[in-house]
Amino acid sequence: PVFVLEQGKLKVILEHAPIWWGSDDKIIYDNLIFMIPPVTFKEVFEEIGEAKEGLEKIQNYKDVIFWSFSRKDYQKTNWWPKTTNTNVSKKLTIRTANTVRKIVRM
């Protein structure tokens, strides 16, 4: 299936970003995970689990998940390997904070 998100909806999503997401800190990698309906946050969370404290943060807003992690420790995170290697991975698409901001500015 094709995943399309209107620019206006994306702007609203960014207005609900947590304070820790999307900073200019180069040691932190910020991503926005888009859940492709009908998958829900509950299903994604049950498949992937908790974020590893001190290494990554997640916060759900509607059909997206704000996700940040330390660049140097990404291999130690819980979400990094599981967003690509689990049953739910085919129901997600991930974009960096920079990419999302560029789309909103278009």
PDB file of N, CA and C in Angstrom:
ATOM      1  N   PRO A   1       0.813  -1.195   0.000  1.00  0.00           N
ATOM      2  CA  PRO A   1       0.000   0.000   0.000  1.00  0.00           C
ATOM      3  C   PRO A   1       0.856   1.258   0.000  1.00  0.00           C
ATOM      4  N   VAL A   2       0.344   2.310  -0.582  1.00  0.00           N
ATOM      5  CA  VAL A   2       1.037   3.588  -0.644  1.00  0.00           C
ATOM      6  C   VAL A   2       0.715   4.387   0.608  1.00  0.00           C
ATOM      7  N   PHE A   3       1.729   4.998   1.190  1.00  0.00           N
ATOM      8  CA  PHE A   3       1.553   5.809   2.381  1.00  0.00           C
ATOM      9  C   PHE A   3       1.683   7.268   1.980  1.00  0.00           C
ATOM     10  N   VAL A   4       0.635   8.046   2.198  1.00  0.00           N
ATOM     11  CA  VAL A   4       0.635   9.464   1.854  1.00  0.00           C
ATOM     12  C   VAL A   4       0.190  10.256   3.074  1.00  0.00           C
ATOM     13  N   LEU A   5       0.900  11.336   3.357  1.00  0.00           N
ATOM     14  CA  LEU A   5       0.538  12.201   4.469  1.00  0.00           C
ATOM     15  C   LEU A   5       0.551  13.636   3.965  1.00  0.00           C
ATOM     16  N   GLU A   6      -0.535  14.339   4.178  1.00  0.00           N
ATOM     17  CA  GLU A   6      -0.633  15.719   3.730  1.00  0.00           C
ATOM     18  C   GLU A   6       0.329  16.597   4.516  1.00  0.00           C
ATOM     19  N   GLN A   7       0.878  17.587   3.830  1.00  0.00           N
ATOM     20  CA  GLN A   7       1.835  18.501   4.437  1.00  0.00           C
ATOM     21  C   GLN A   7       1.246  19.202   5.665  1.00  0.00           C
ATOM     22  N   GLY A   8      -0.023  19.600   5.601  1.00  0.00           N
ATOM     23  CA  GLY A   8      -0.665  20.276   6.730  1.00  0.00           C
ATOM     24  C   GLY A   8      -0.761  19.389   7.952  1.00  0.00           C
ATOM     25  N   LYS A   9      -1.071  18.109   7.746  1.00  0.00           N
ATOM     26  CA  LYS A   9      -1.150  17.172   8.871  1.00  0.00           C
ATOM     27  C   LYS A   9       0.227  16.962   9.488  1.00  0.00           C
ATOM     28  N   LEU A  10       1.243  16.947   8.645  1.00  0.00           N
ATOM     29  CA  LEU A  10       2.606  16.773   9.131  1.00  0.00           C
ATOM     30  C   LEU A  10       3.018  17.963  10.004  1.00  0.00           C
ATOM     31  N   LYS A  11       2.609  19.156   9.610  1.00  0.00           N
ATOM     32  CA  LYS A  11       2.912  20.344  10.402  1.00  0.00           C
ATOM     33  C   LYS A  11       2.264  20.245  11.789  1.00  0.00           C
ATOM     34  N   VAL A  12       1.027  19.787  11.845  1.00  0.00           N
ATOM     35  CA  VAL A  12       0.335  19.615  13.128  1.00  0.00           C
ATOM     36  C   VAL A  12       1.060  18.583  13.985  1.00  0.00           C
ATOM     37  N   ILE A  13       1.496  17.501  13.364  1.00  0.00           N
ATOM     38  CA  ILE A  13       2.247  16.475  14.101  1.00  0.00           C
ATOM     39  C   ILE A  13       3.487  17.091  14.738  1.00  0.00           C
ATOM     40  N   LEU A  14       4.235  17.880  13.968  1.00  0.00           N
ATOM     41  CA  LEU A  14       5.461  18.489  14.496  1.00  0.00           C
ATOM     42  C   LEU A  14       5.164  19.459  15.636  1.00  0.00           C
ATOM     43  N   GLU A  15       4.004  20.085  15.615  1.00  0.00           N
ATOM     44  CA  GLU A  15       3.629  20.980  16.708  1.00  0.00           C
ATOM     45  C   GLU A  15       3.421  20.215  18.018  1.00  0.00           C
ATOM     46  N   HIS A  16       3.255  18.900  17.933  1.00  0.00           N
ATOM     47  CA  HIS A  16       3.061  18.063  19.123  1.00  0.00           C
ATOM     48  C   HIS A  16       4.308  17.250  19.490  1.00  0.00           C
ATOM     49  N   ALA A  17       5.421  17.610  18.898  1.00  0.00           N
ATOM     50  CA  ALA A  17       6.675  16.904  19.201  1.00  0.00           C
ATOM     51  C   ALA A  17       7.079  17.159  20.647  1.00  0.00           C
ATOM     52  N   PRO A  18       7.597  16.137  21.316  1.00  0.00           N
ATOM     53  CA  PRO A  18       8.081  16.344  22.686  1.00  0.00           C
ATOM     54  C   PRO A  18       9.288  17.279  22.691  1.00  0.00           C
ATOM     55  N   ILE A  19       9.537  17.916  23.800  1.00  0.00           N
ATOM     56  CA  ILE A  19      10.619  18.899  23.924  1.00  0.00           C
ATOM     57  C   ILE A  19      11.990  18.296  23.587  1.00  0.00           C
ATOM     58  N   TRP A  20      12.177  17.027  23.850  1.00  0.00           N
ATOM     59  CA  TRP A  20      13.479  16.383  23.630  1.00  0.00           C
ATOM     60  C   TRP A  20      13.701  15.969  22.173  1.00  0.00           C
ATOM     61  N   TRP A  21      12.706  16.080  21.332  1.00  0.00           N
ATOM     62  CA  TRP A  21      12.794  15.600  19.951  1.00  0.00           C
ATOM     63  C   TRP A  21      13.125  16.747  18.999  1.00  0.00           C
ATOM     64  N   GLY A  22      14.032  16.486  18.074  1.00  0.00           N
ATOM     65  CA  GLY A  22      14.309  17.440  17.006  1.00  0.00           C
ATOM     66  C   GLY A  22      15.268  18.554  17.359  1.00  0.00           C
ATOM     67  N   SER A  23      16.124  18.328  18.328  1.00  0.00           N
ATOM     68  CA  SER A  23      17.092  19.359  18.709  1.00  0.00           C
ATOM     69  C   SER A  23      18.248  19.378  17.697  1.00  0.00           C
ATOM     70  N   ASP A  24      19.135  20.324  17.870  1.00  0.00           N
ATOM     71  CA  ASP A  24      20.309  20.420  16.996  1.00  0.00           C
ATOM     72  C   ASP A  24      21.483  19.610  17.523  1.00  0.00           C
ATOM     73  N   ASP A  25      21.266  18.840  18.577  1.00  0.00           N
ATOM     74  CA  ASP A  25      22.309  18.017  19.180  1.00  0.00           C
ATOM     75  C   ASP A  25      22.713  16.917  18.193  1.00  0.00           C
ATOM     76  N   LYS A  26      23.935  16.983  17.715  1.00  0.00           N
ATOM     77  CA  LYS A  26      24.406  16.044  16.686  1.00  0.00           C
ATOM     78  C   LYS A  26      24.691  14.637  17.219  1.00  0.00           C
ATOM     79  N   ILE A  27      24.730  14.455  18.546  1.00  0.00           N
ATOM     80  CA  ILE A  27      24.960  13.112  19.070  1.00  0.00           C
ATOM     81  C   ILE A  27      23.653  12.348  19.262  1.00  0.00           C
ATOM     82  N   ILE A  28      22.543  13.060  19.064  1.00  0.00           N
ATOM     83  CA  ILE A  28      21.225  12.430  19.161  1.00  0.00           C
ATOM     84  C   ILE A  28      20.626  12.339  17.765  1.00  0.00           C
ATOM     85  N   TYR A  29      20.036  11.206  17.451  1.00  0.00           N
ATOM     86  CA  TYR A  29      19.403  10.973  16.161  1.00  0.00           C
ATOM     87  C   TYR A  29      17.896  10.935  16.381  1.00  0.00           C
ATOM     88  N   ASP A  30      17.188  11.874  15.778  1.00  0.00           N
ATOM     89  CA  ASP A  30      15.741  11.987  15.948  1.00  0.00           C
ATOM     90  C   ASP A  30      15.016  11.472  14.710  1.00  0.00           C
ATOM     91  N   ASN A  31      14.032  10.626  14.941  1.00  0.00           N
ATOM     92  CA  ASN A  31      13.241  10.045  13.857  1.00  0.00           C
ATOM     93  C   ASN A  31      11.758  10.179  14.151  1.00  0.00           C
ATOM     94  N   LEU A  32      10.970  10.117  13.101  1.00  0.00           N
ATOM     95  CA  LEU A  32       9.531  10.068  13.230  1.00  0.00           C
ATOM     96  C   LEU A  32       9.081   8.770  12.572  1.00  0.00           C
ATOM     97  N   ILE A  33       8.458   7.922  13.364  1.00  0.00           N
ATOM     98  CA  ILE A  33       7.960   6.637  12.871  1.00  0.00           C
ATOM     99  C   ILE A  33       6.491   6.818  12.533  1.00  0.00           C
ATOM    100  N   PHE A  34       6.153   6.548  11.286  1.00  0.00           N
ATOM    101  CA  PHE A  34       4.766   6.612  10.844  1.00  0.00           C
ATOM    102  C   PHE A  34       4.192   5.206  10.871  1.00  0.00           C
ATOM    103  N   MET A  35       3.093   5.051  11.574  1.00  0.00           N
ATOM    104  CA  MET A  35       2.415   3.755  11.640  1.00  0.00           C
ATOM    105  C   MET A  35       1.385   3.708  10.516  1.00  0.00           C
ATOM    106  N   ILE A  36       1.486   2.720   9.675  1.00  0.00           N
ATOM    107  CA  ILE A  36       0.590   2.587   8.541  1.00  0.00           C
ATOM    108  C   ILE A  36      -0.675   1.866   8.997  1.00  0.00           C
ATOM    109  N   PRO A  37      -1.823   2.577   8.925  1.00  0.00           N
ATOM    110  CA  PRO A  37      -3.080   1.975   9.379  1.00  0.00           C
ATOM    111  C   PRO A  37      -3.347   0.646   8.668  1.00  0.00           C
ATOM    112  N   PRO A  38      -3.902  -0.293   9.384  1.00  0.00           N
ATOM    113  CA  PRO A  38      -4.605  -0.149  10.657  1.00  0.00           C
ATOM    114  C   PRO A  38      -3.750  -0.422  11.886  1.00  0.00           C
ATOM    115  N   VAL A  39      -2.419  -0.524  11.768  1.00  0.00           N
ATOM    116  CA  VAL A  39      -1.592  -0.821  12.939  1.00  0.00           C
ATOM    117  C   VAL A  39      -1.731   0.313  13.960  1.00  0.00           C
ATOM    118  N   THR A  40      -1.660  -0.045  15.230  1.00  0.00           N
ATOM    119  CA  THR A  40      -1.801   0.919  16.319  1.00  0.00           C
ATOM    120  C   THR A  40      -0.517   0.972  17.145  1.00  0.00           C
ATOM    121  N   PHE A  41      -0.401   2.021  17.944  1.00  0.00           N
ATOM    122  CA  PHE A  41       0.750   2.132  18.823  1.00  0.00           C
ATOM    123  C   PHE A  41       0.821   0.939  19.770  1.00  0.00           C
ATOM    124  N   LYS A  42      -0.317   0.514  20.255  1.00  0.00           N
ATOM    125  CA  LYS A  42      -0.355  -0.627  21.172  1.00  0.00           C
ATOM    126  C   LYS A  42       0.294  -1.860  20.526  1.00  0.00           C
ATOM    127  N   GLU A  43      -0.044  -2.123  19.270  1.00  0.00           N
ATOM    128  CA  GLU A  43       0.537  -3.275  18.567  1.00  0.00           C
ATOM    129  C   GLU A  43       2.044  -3.115  18.390  1.00  0.00           C
ATOM    130  N   VAL A  44       2.465  -1.913  17.998  1.00  0.00           N
ATOM    131  CA  VAL A  44       3.892  -1.653  17.800  1.00  0.00           C
ATOM    132  C   VAL A  44       4.627  -1.822  19.122  1.00  0.00           C
ATOM    133  N   PHE A  45       4.102  -1.233  20.177  1.00  0.00           N
ATOM    134  CA  PHE A  45       4.745  -1.304  21.485  1.00  0.00           C
ATOM    135  C   PHE A  45       4.824  -2.745  21.994  1.00  0.00           C
ATOM    136  N   GLU A  46       3.750  -3.503  21.795  1.00  0.00           N
ATOM    137  CA  GLU A  46       3.762  -4.905  22.227  1.00  0.00           C
ATOM    138  C   GLU A  46       4.818  -5.711  21.480  1.00  0.00           C
ATOM    139  N   GLU A  47       5.049  -5.404  20.229  1.00  0.00           N
ATOM    140  CA  GLU A  47       6.034  -6.115  19.414  1.00  0.00           C
ATOM    141  C   GLU A  47       7.467  -5.680  19.750  1.00  0.00           C
ATOM    142  N   ILE A  48       7.670  -4.381  19.951  1.00  0.00           N
ATOM    143  CA  ILE A  48       9.031  -3.858  20.138  1.00  0.00           C
ATOM    144  C   ILE A  48       9.397  -3.716  21.599  1.00  0.00           C
ATOM    145  N   GLY A  49       8.488  -3.239  22.407  1.00  0.00           N
ATOM    146  CA  GLY A  49       8.758  -3.106  23.837  1.00  0.00           C
ATOM    147  C   GLY A  49       9.213  -1.726  24.250  1.00  0.00           C
ATOM    148  N   GLU A  50       9.672  -1.654  25.478  1.00  0.00           N
ATOM    149  CA  GLU A  50      10.115  -0.399  26.079  1.00  0.00           C
ATOM    150  C   GLU A  50      11.357   0.138  25.384  1.00  0.00           C
ATOM    151  N   ALA A  51      11.481   1.450  25.402  1.00  0.00           N
ATOM    152  CA  ALA A  51      12.733   2.079  24.981  1.00  0.00           C
ATOM    153  C   ALA A  51      13.749   1.841  26.082  1.00  0.00           C
ATOM    154  N   LYS A  52      15.016   1.654  25.705  1.00  0.00           N
ATOM    155  CA  LYS A  52      16.060   1.440  26.716  1.00  0.00           C
ATOM    156  C   LYS A  52      16.421   2.771  27.358  1.00  0.00           C
ATOM    157  N   GLU A  53      16.205   2.829  28.659  1.00  0.00           N
ATOM    158  CA  GLU A  53      16.453   4.054  29.408  1.00  0.00           C
ATOM    159  C   GLU A  53      17.896   4.507  29.242  1.00  0.00           C
ATOM    160  N   GLY A  54      18.052   5.786  29.014  1.00  0.00           N
ATOM    161  CA  GLY A  54      19.384   6.361  28.843  1.00  0.00           C
ATOM    162  C   GLY A  54      19.917   6.254  27.431  1.00  0.00           C
ATOM    163  N   LEU A  55      19.288   5.428  26.593  1.00  0.00           N
ATOM    164  CA  LEU A  55      19.767   5.251  25.220  1.00  0.00           C
ATOM    165  C   LEU A  55      18.778   5.741  24.170  1.00  0.00           C
ATOM    166  N   GLU A  56      17.490   5.679  24.487  1.00  0.00           N
ATOM    167  CA  GLU A  56      16.484   6.086  23.508  1.00  0.00           C
ATOM    168  C   GLU A  56      15.222   6.550  24.222  1.00  0.00           C
ATOM    169  N   LYS A  57      14.444   7.337  23.497  1.00  0.00           N
ATOM    170  CA  LYS A  57      13.168   7.829  24.019  1.00  0.00           C
ATOM    171  C   LYS A  57      12.119   7.655  22.927  1.00  0.00           C
ATOM    172  N   ILE A  58      10.890   7.353  23.346  1.00  0.00           N
ATOM    173  CA  ILE A  58       9.771   7.281  22.415  1.00  0.00           C
ATOM    174  C   ILE A  58       8.581   8.023  23.012  1.00  0.00           C
ATOM    175  N   GLN A  59       7.778   8.586  22.140  1.00  0.00           N
ATOM    176  CA  GLN A  59       6.509   9.178  22.563  1.00  0.00           C
ATOM    177  C   GLN A  59       5.534   9.076  21.408  1.00  0.00           C
ATOM    178  N   ASN A  60       4.362   8.574  21.696  1.00  0.00           N
ATOM    179  CA  ASN A  60       3.318   8.397  20.697  1.00  0.00           C
ATOM    180  C   ASN A  60       2.453   9.643  20.579  1.00  0.00           C
ATOM    181  N   TYR A  61       2.092   9.978  19.330  1.00  0.00           N
ATOM    182  CA  TYR A  61       1.095  11.006  19.068  1.00  0.00           C
ATOM    183  C   TYR A  61       0.291  10.542  17.859  1.00  0.00           C
ATOM    184  N   LYS A  62      -0.962  10.215  18.090  1.00  0.00           N
ATOM    185  CA  LYS A  62      -1.864   9.727  17.043  1.00  0.00           C
ATOM    186  C   LYS A  62      -1.212   8.576  16.270  1.00  0.00           C
ATOM    187  N   ASP A  63      -0.949   8.734  14.959  1.00  0.00           N
ATOM    188  CA  ASP A  63      -0.404   7.654  14.131  1.00  0.00           C
ATOM    189  C   ASP A  63       1.108   7.720  13.948  1.00  0.00           C
ATOM    190  N   VAL A  64       1.795   8.452  14.825  1.00  0.00           N
ATOM    191  CA  VAL A  64       3.249   8.549  14.730  1.00  0.00           C
ATOM    192  C   VAL A  64       3.889   8.291  16.090  1.00  0.00           C
ATOM    193  N   ILE A  65       5.171   7.994  16.031  1.00  0.00           N
ATOM    194  CA  ILE A  65       5.960   7.819  17.249  1.00  0.00           C
ATOM    195  C   ILE A  65       7.217   8.657  17.090  1.00  0.00           C
ATOM    196  N   PHE A  66       7.421   9.573  18.015  1.00  0.00           N
ATOM    197  CA  PHE A  66       8.669  10.329  18.049  1.00  0.00           C
ATOM    198  C   PHE A  66       9.697   9.425  18.718  1.00  0.00           C
ATOM    199  N   TRP A  67      10.855   9.287  18.080  1.00  0.00           N
ATOM    200  CA  TRP A  67      11.875   8.355  18.576  1.00  0.00           C
ATOM    201  C   TRP A  67      13.242   9.004  18.462  1.00  0.00           C
ATOM    202  N   SER A  68      13.970   9.036  19.536  1.00  0.00           N
ATOM    203  CA  SER A  68      15.321   9.598  19.555  1.00  0.00           C
ATOM    204  C   SER A  68      16.260   8.621  20.223  1.00  0.00           C
ATOM    205  N   PHE A  69      17.506   8.628  19.748  1.00  0.00           N
ATOM    206  CA  PHE A  69      18.508   7.753  20.360  1.00  0.00           C
ATOM    207  C   PHE A  69      19.896   8.322  20.163  1.00  0.00           C
ATOM    208  N   SER A  70      20.815   7.848  20.986  1.00  0.00           N
ATOM    209  CA  SER A  70      22.211   8.244  20.905  1.00  0.00           C
ATOM    210  C   SER A  70      22.841   7.589  19.678  1.00  0.00           C
ATOM    211  N   ARG A  71      23.450   8.398  18.836  1.00  0.00           N
ATOM    212  CA  ARG A  71      24.080   7.866  17.613  1.00  0.00           C
ATOM    213  C   ARG A  71      25.150   6.812  17.931  1.00  0.00           C
ATOM    214  N   LYS A  72      25.949   7.074  18.950  1.00  0.00           N
ATOM    215  CA  LYS A  72      27.054   6.150  19.232  1.00  0.00           C
ATOM    216  C   LYS A  72      26.579   4.831  19.836  1.00  0.00           C
ATOM    217  N   ASP A  73      25.389   4.827  20.412  1.00  0.00           N
ATOM    218  CA  ASP A  73      24.892   3.620  21.066  1.00  0.00           C
ATOM    219  C   ASP A  73      23.692   2.992  20.366  1.00  0.00           C
ATOM    220  N   TYR A  74      23.454   3.343  19.099  1.00  0.00           N
ATOM    221  CA  TYR A  74      22.242   2.873  18.425  1.00  0.00           C
ATOM    222  C   TYR A  74      22.123   1.356  18.412  1.00  0.00           C
ATOM    223  N   GLN A  75      23.235   0.653  18.355  1.00  0.00           N
ATOM    224  CA  GLN A  75      23.187  -0.815  18.306  1.00  0.00           C
ATOM    225  C   GLN A  75      22.738  -1.422  19.633  1.00  0.00           C
ATOM    226  N   LYS A  76      22.792  -0.644  20.691  1.00  0.00           N
ATOM    227  CA  LYS A  76      22.366  -1.118  22.007  1.00  0.00           C
ATOM    228  C   LYS A  76      20.898  -0.812  22.291  1.00  0.00           C
ATOM    229  N   THR A  77      20.265  -0.043  21.410  1.00  0.00           N
ATOM    230  CA  THR A  77      18.868   0.329  21.645  1.00  0.00           C
ATOM    231  C   THR A  77      17.947  -0.859  21.422  1.00  0.00           C
ATOM    232  N   ASN A  78      16.770  -0.763  21.968  1.00  0.00           N
ATOM    233  CA  ASN A  78      15.772  -1.804  21.776  1.00  0.00           C
ATOM    234  C   ASN A  78      15.033  -1.607  20.457  1.00  0.00           C
ATOM    235  N   TRP A  79      14.759  -0.348  20.117  1.00  0.00           N
ATOM    236  CA  TRP A  79      13.928  -0.067  18.951  1.00  0.00           C
ATOM    237  C   TRP A  79      14.678  -0.168  17.625  1.00  0.00           C
ATOM    238  N   TRP A  80      15.974   0.115  17.598  1.00  0.00           N
ATOM    239  CA  TRP A  80      16.723   0.094  16.335  1.00  0.00           C
ATOM    240  C   TRP A  80      16.598  -1.230  15.587  1.00  0.00           C
ATOM    241  N   PRO A  81      16.975  -2.358  16.167  1.00  0.00           N
ATOM    242  CA  PRO A  81      16.889  -3.611  15.405  1.00  0.00           C
ATOM    243  C   PRO A  81      15.446  -4.079  15.178  1.00  0.00           C
ATOM    244  N   LYS A  82      14.568  -3.737  16.094  1.00  0.00           N
ATOM    245  CA  LYS A  82      13.205  -4.270  16.013  1.00  0.00           C
ATOM    246  C   LYS A  82      12.311  -3.503  15.045  1.00  0.00           C
ATOM    247  N   THR A  83      12.677  -2.275  14.692  1.00  0.00           N
ATOM    248  CA  THR A  83      11.866  -1.548  13.718  1.00  0.00           C
ATOM    249  C   THR A  83      12.094  -2.093  12.307  1.00  0.00           C
ATOM    250  N   THR A  84      13.119  -2.899  12.135  1.00  0.00           N
ATOM    251  CA  THR A  84      13.379  -3.478  10.808  1.00  0.00           C
ATOM    252  C   THR A  84      13.255  -4.995  10.775  1.00  0.00           C
ATOM    253  N   ASN A  85      13.276  -5.642  11.911  1.00  0.00           N
ATOM    254  CA  ASN A  85      13.330  -7.107  11.923  1.00  0.00           C
ATOM    255  C   ASN A  85      12.209  -7.793  12.694  1.00  0.00           C
ATOM    256  N   THR A  86      11.048  -7.176  12.774  1.00  0.00           N
ATOM    257  CA  THR A  86       9.925  -7.807  13.458  1.00  0.00           C
ATOM    258  C   THR A  86       8.716  -7.826  12.529  1.00  0.00           C
ATOM    259  N   ASN A  87       7.685  -8.510  12.938  1.00  0.00           N
ATOM    260  CA  ASN A  87       6.465  -8.579  12.126  1.00  0.00           C
ATOM    261  C   ASN A  87       5.859  -7.206  11.878  1.00  0.00           C
ATOM    262  N   VAL A  88       5.990  -6.315  12.834  1.00  0.00           N
ATOM    263  CA  VAL A  88       5.381  -4.995  12.707  1.00  0.00           C
ATOM    264  C   VAL A  88       6.187  -4.067  11.787  1.00  0.00           C
ATOM    265  N   SER A  89       7.411  -4.413  11.472  1.00  0.00           N
ATOM    266  CA  SER A  89       8.267  -3.531  10.677  1.00  0.00           C
ATOM    267  C   SER A  89       7.675  -3.197   9.306  1.00  0.00           C
ATOM    268  N   LYS A  90       6.897  -4.082   8.742  1.00  0.00           N
ATOM    269  CA  LYS A  90       6.283  -3.829   7.435  1.00  0.00           C
ATOM    270  C   LYS A  90       5.115  -2.851   7.532  1.00  0.00           C
ATOM    271  N   LYS A  91       4.751  -2.488   8.752  1.00  0.00           N
ATOM    272  CA  LYS A  91       3.633  -1.578   8.982  1.00  0.00           C
ATOM    273  C   LYS A  91       4.128  -0.209   9.447  1.00  0.00           C
ATOM    274  N   LEU A  92       5.422   0.036   9.264  1.00  0.00           N
ATOM    275  CA  LEU A  92       6.041   1.293   9.693  1.00  0.00           C
ATOM    276  C   LEU A  92       6.857   1.889   8.554  1.00  0.00           C
ATOM    277  N   THR A  93       6.963   3.201   8.566  1.00  0.00           N
ATOM    278  CA  THR A  93       7.928   3.881   7.713  1.00  0.00           C
ATOM    279  C   THR A  93       8.563   4.968   8.576  1.00  0.00           C
ATOM    280  N   ILE A  94       9.859   5.139   8.460  1.00  0.00           N
ATOM    281  CA  ILE A  94      10.598   6.009   9.359  1.00  0.00           C
ATOM    282  C   ILE A  94      11.309   7.099   8.560  1.00  0.00           C
ATOM    283  N   ARG A  95      11.237   8.331   9.073  1.00  0.00           N
ATOM    284  CA  ARG A  95      11.932   9.456   8.464  1.00  0.00           C
ATOM    285  C   ARG A  95      12.671  10.226   9.545  1.00  0.00           C
ATOM    286  N   THR A  96      13.813  10.809   9.183  1.00  0.00           N
ATOM    287  CA  THR A  96      14.571  11.604  10.144  1.00  0.00           C
ATOM    288  C   THR A  96      13.867  12.938  10.396  1.00  0.00           C
ATOM    289  N   ALA A  97      14.215  13.565  11.500  1.00  0.00           N
ATOM    290  CA  ALA A  97      13.648  14.875  11.824  1.00  0.00           C
ATOM    291  C   ALA A  97      13.961  15.881  10.721  1.00  0.00           C
ATOM    292  N   ASN A  98      15.179  15.841  10.186  1.00  0.00           N
ATOM    293  CA  ASN A  98      15.552  16.777   9.122  1.00  0.00           C
ATOM    294  C   ASN A  98      14.693  16.586   7.881  1.00  0.00           C
ATOM    295  N   THR A  99      14.453  15.359   7.496  1.00  0.00           N
ATOM    296  CA  THR A  99      13.621  15.083   6.332  1.00  0.00           C
ATOM    297  C   THR A  99      12.201  15.587   6.559  1.00  0.00           C
ATOM    298  N   VAL A 100      11.665  15.327   7.723  1.00  0.00           N
ATOM    299  CA  VAL A 100      10.302  15.752   8.036  1.00  0.00           C
ATOM    300  C   VAL A 100      10.207  17.280   7.980  1.00  0.00           C
ATOM    301  N   ARG A 101      11.184  17.965   8.546  1.00  0.00           N
ATOM    302  CA  ARG A 101      11.161  19.435   8.514  1.00  0.00           C
ATOM    303  C   ARG A 101      11.230  19.965   7.083  1.00  0.00           C
ATOM    304  N   LYS A 102      12.044  19.348   6.238  1.00  0.00           N
ATOM    305  CA  LYS A 102      12.150  19.780   4.836  1.00  0.00           C
ATOM    306  C   LYS A 102      10.814  19.624   4.122  1.00  0.00           C
ATOM    307  N   ILE A 103      10.120  18.539   4.382  1.00  0.00           N
ATOM    308  CA  ILE A 103       8.817  18.325   3.747  1.00  0.00           C
ATOM    309  C   ILE A 103       7.824  19.399   4.186  1.00  0.00           C
ATOM    310  N   VAL A 104       7.832  19.729   5.459  1.00  0.00           N
ATOM    311  CA  VAL A 104       6.911  20.742   5.981  1.00  0.00           C
ATOM    312  C   VAL A 104       7.204  22.108   5.355  1.00  0.00           C
ATOM    313  N   ARG A 105       8.467  22.413   5.104  1.00  0.00           N
ATOM    314  CA  ARG A 105       8.838  23.717   4.523  1.00  0.00           C
ATOM    315  C   ARG A 105       8.547  23.817   3.032  1.00  0.00           C
ATOM    316  N   MET A 106       8.322  22.723   2.349  1.00  0.00           N
ATOM    317  CA  MET A 106       8.105  22.737   0.895  1.00  0.00           C
ATOM    318  C   MET A 106       6.937  23.602   0.506  1.00  0.00           C
TER     319      MET A 106
END
